[in-house]
C-alpha atoms as a PDB file:
ATOM      1  CA  MET A   1      95.379  79.834 132.230  1.00  0.00           C
ATOM      2  CA  SER A   2      92.556  79.795 129.719  1.00  0.00           C
ATOM      3  CA  ASP A   3      90.944  76.553 128.615  1.00  0.00           C
ATOM      4  CA  LEU A   4      92.073  77.238 125.038  1.00  0.00           C
ATOM      5  CA  LYS A   5      95.687  77.717 126.130  1.00  0.00           C
ATOM      6  CA  ALA A   6      95.565  74.505 128.176  1.00  0.00           C
ATOM      7  CA  ARG A   7      94.144  72.546 125.215  1.00  0.00           C
ATOM      8  CA  PHE A   8      96.768  74.134 122.913  1.00  0.00           C
ATOM      9  CA  GLU A   9      99.582  73.033 125.223  1.00  0.00           C
ATOM     10  CA  GLN A  10      98.087  69.545 125.496  1.00  0.00           C
ATOM     11  CA  ALA A  11      97.896  69.316 121.689  1.00  0.00           C
ATOM     12  CA  ALA A  12     101.581  70.312 121.515  1.00  0.00           C
ATOM     13  CA  ARG A  13     102.381  67.395 123.841  1.00  0.00           C
ATOM     14  CA  ASP A  14     100.088  65.021 121.916  1.00  0.00           C
ATOM     15  CA  VAL A  15     101.781  65.785 118.607  1.00  0.00           C
ATOM     16  CA  GLN A  16     105.094  64.550 120.049  1.00  0.00           C
ATOM     17  CA  GLY A  17     103.558  61.104 120.534  1.00  0.00           C
ATOM     18  CA  LEU A  18     102.191  60.573 117.042  1.00  0.00           C
ATOM     19  CA  SER A  19     102.736  57.011 115.852  1.00  0.00           C
ATOM     20  CA  GLU A  20     103.376  58.157 112.272  1.00  0.00           C
ATOM     21  CA  ARG A  21     105.327  61.173 111.081  1.00  0.00           C
ATOM     22  CA  PRO A  22     102.988  63.518 109.161  1.00  0.00           C
ATOM     23  CA  ASP A  23     103.887  64.552 105.614  1.00  0.00           C
ATOM     24  CA  ASN A  24     105.966  67.679 105.137  1.00  0.00           C
ATOM     25  CA  ASP A  25     102.986  69.919 104.270  1.00  0.00           C
ATOM     26  CA  THR A  26     101.238  68.887 107.475  1.00  0.00           C
ATOM     27  CA  LEU A  27     104.417  69.396 109.500  1.00  0.00           C
ATOM     28  CA  LEU A  28     104.768  72.913 108.082  1.00  0.00           C
ATOM     29  CA  ARG A  29     101.121  73.641 108.892  1.00  0.00           C
ATOM     30  CA  LEU A  30     101.611  72.392 112.458  1.00  0.00           C
ATOM     31  CA  TYR A  31     104.758  74.492 112.835  1.00  0.00           C
ATOM     32  CA  ALA A  32     103.144  77.647 111.448  1.00  0.00           C
ATOM     33  CA  LEU A  33      99.981  77.315 113.551  1.00  0.00           C
ATOM     34  CA  TYR A  34     102.030  76.604 116.667  1.00  0.00           C
ATOM     35  CA  LYS A  35     104.262  79.644 116.124  1.00  0.00           C
ATOM     36  CA  GLN A  36     101.290  81.890 115.315  1.00  0.00           C
ATOM     37  CA  GLY A  37      99.394  80.602 118.336  1.00  0.00           C
ATOM     38  CA  SER A  38     102.299  80.931 120.736  1.00  0.00           C
ATOM     39  CA  GLU A  39     104.131  84.017 119.430  1.00  0.00           C
ATOM     40  CA  GLY A  40     101.821  85.874 117.034  1.00  0.00           C
ATOM     41  CA  ASP A  41     102.918  87.258 113.678  1.00  0.00           C
ATOM     42  CA  VAL A  42     106.199  86.160 112.140  1.00  0.00           C
ATOM     43  CA  SER A  43     109.256  88.038 113.361  1.00  0.00           C
ATOM     44  CA  GLY A  44     112.949  88.140 112.682  1.00  0.00           C
ATOM     45  CA  PRO A  45     114.814  88.009 109.390  1.00  0.00           C
ATOM     46  CA  LYS A  46     113.995  85.417 106.765  1.00  0.00           C
ATOM     47  CA  PRO A  47     116.577  82.593 106.721  1.00  0.00           C
ATOM     48  CA  GLY A  48     119.208  82.534 104.003  1.00  0.00           C
ATOM     49  CA  PHE A  49     118.566  81.150 100.531  1.00  0.00           C
ATOM     50  CA  PHE A  50     120.336  77.842 101.210  1.00  0.00           C
ATOM     51  CA  ASP A  51     118.470  77.173 104.452  1.00  0.00           C
ATOM     52  CA  PHE A  52     115.610  75.407 102.668  1.00  0.00           C
ATOM     53  CA  VAL A  53     113.910  74.044 105.784  1.00  0.00           C
ATOM     54  CA  GLY A  54     114.214  77.325 107.671  1.00  0.00           C
ATOM     55  CA  THR A  55     112.879  79.260 104.689  1.00  0.00           C
ATOM     56  CA  ALA A  56     109.917  76.890 104.269  1.00  0.00           C
ATOM     57  CA  LYS A  57     109.063  77.203 107.965  1.00  0.00           C
ATOM     58  CA  TYR A  58     109.396  80.988 107.880  1.00  0.00           C
ATOM     59  CA  GLU A  59     107.190  81.282 104.778  1.00  0.00           C
ATOM     60  CA  ALA A  60     104.543  78.943 106.218  1.00  0.00           C
ATOM     61  CA  TRP A  61     104.402  81.077 109.372  1.00  0.00           C
ATOM     62  CA  ALA A  62     104.406  84.333 107.371  1.00  0.00           C
ATOM     63  CA  LYS A  63     101.278  83.174 105.476  1.00  0.00           C
ATOM     64  CA  LEU A  64      99.355  83.332 108.756  1.00  0.00           C
ATOM     65  CA  LYS A  65     100.242  86.965 109.417  1.00  0.00           C
ATOM     66  CA  GLY A  66      97.288  88.779 110.940  1.00  0.00           C
ATOM     67  CA  MET A  67      95.546  85.611 112.158  1.00  0.00           C
ATOM     68  CA  PRO A  68      94.503  86.045 115.798  1.00  0.00           C
ATOM     69  CA  GLN A  69      96.504  83.837 118.178  1.00  0.00           C
ATOM     70  CA  GLU A  70      93.307  82.247 119.522  1.00  0.00           C
ATOM     71  CA  GLN A  71      92.254  81.215 116.008  1.00  0.00           C
ATOM     72  CA  ALA A  72      95.695  79.720 115.320  1.00  0.00           C
ATOM     73  CA  MET A  73      95.548  77.823 118.619  1.00  0.00           C
ATOM     74  CA  GLN A  74      92.130  76.383 117.766  1.00  0.00           C
ATOM     75  CA  GLN A  75      93.216  75.353 114.258  1.00  0.00           C
ATOM     76  CA  TYR A  76      96.333  73.719 115.729  1.00  0.00           C
ATOM     77  CA  ILE A  77      94.201  71.792 118.249  1.00  0.00           C
ATOM     78  CA  ASP A  78      91.809  70.677 115.489  1.00  0.00           C
ATOM     79  CA  LEU A  79      94.666  69.527 113.239  1.00  0.00           C
ATOM     80  CA  VAL A  80      96.342  67.553 116.039  1.00  0.00           C
ATOM     81  CA  LYS A  81      92.972  65.929 116.851  1.00  0.00           C
ATOM     82  CA  LYS A  82      92.689  64.763 113.233  1.00  0.00           C
ATOM     83  CA  LEU A  83      96.219  63.344 113.317  1.00  0.00           C
ATOM     84  CA  THR A  84      95.697  61.486 116.593  1.00  0.00           C
ATOM     85  CA  ALA A  85      92.251  60.113 115.703  1.00  0.00           C
END
């Protein structure tokens, strides 16, 4: 396993232990970077109109389309570091 992947997985564990819940924009950013880093470009159909949370998550992830997975992993790690500092 690469060092980056190990640090990415550690950041995913660290985020679970945050003492304060981040604001919604930060949560969406974390979600999108995690999905991009772990799965790559957005896939699957966009959630229905009345699934507001699902739609917001989908759109946040879709904005990162084309970003290399390694870059998304690093940005995720950096963001989690800021939140846990």
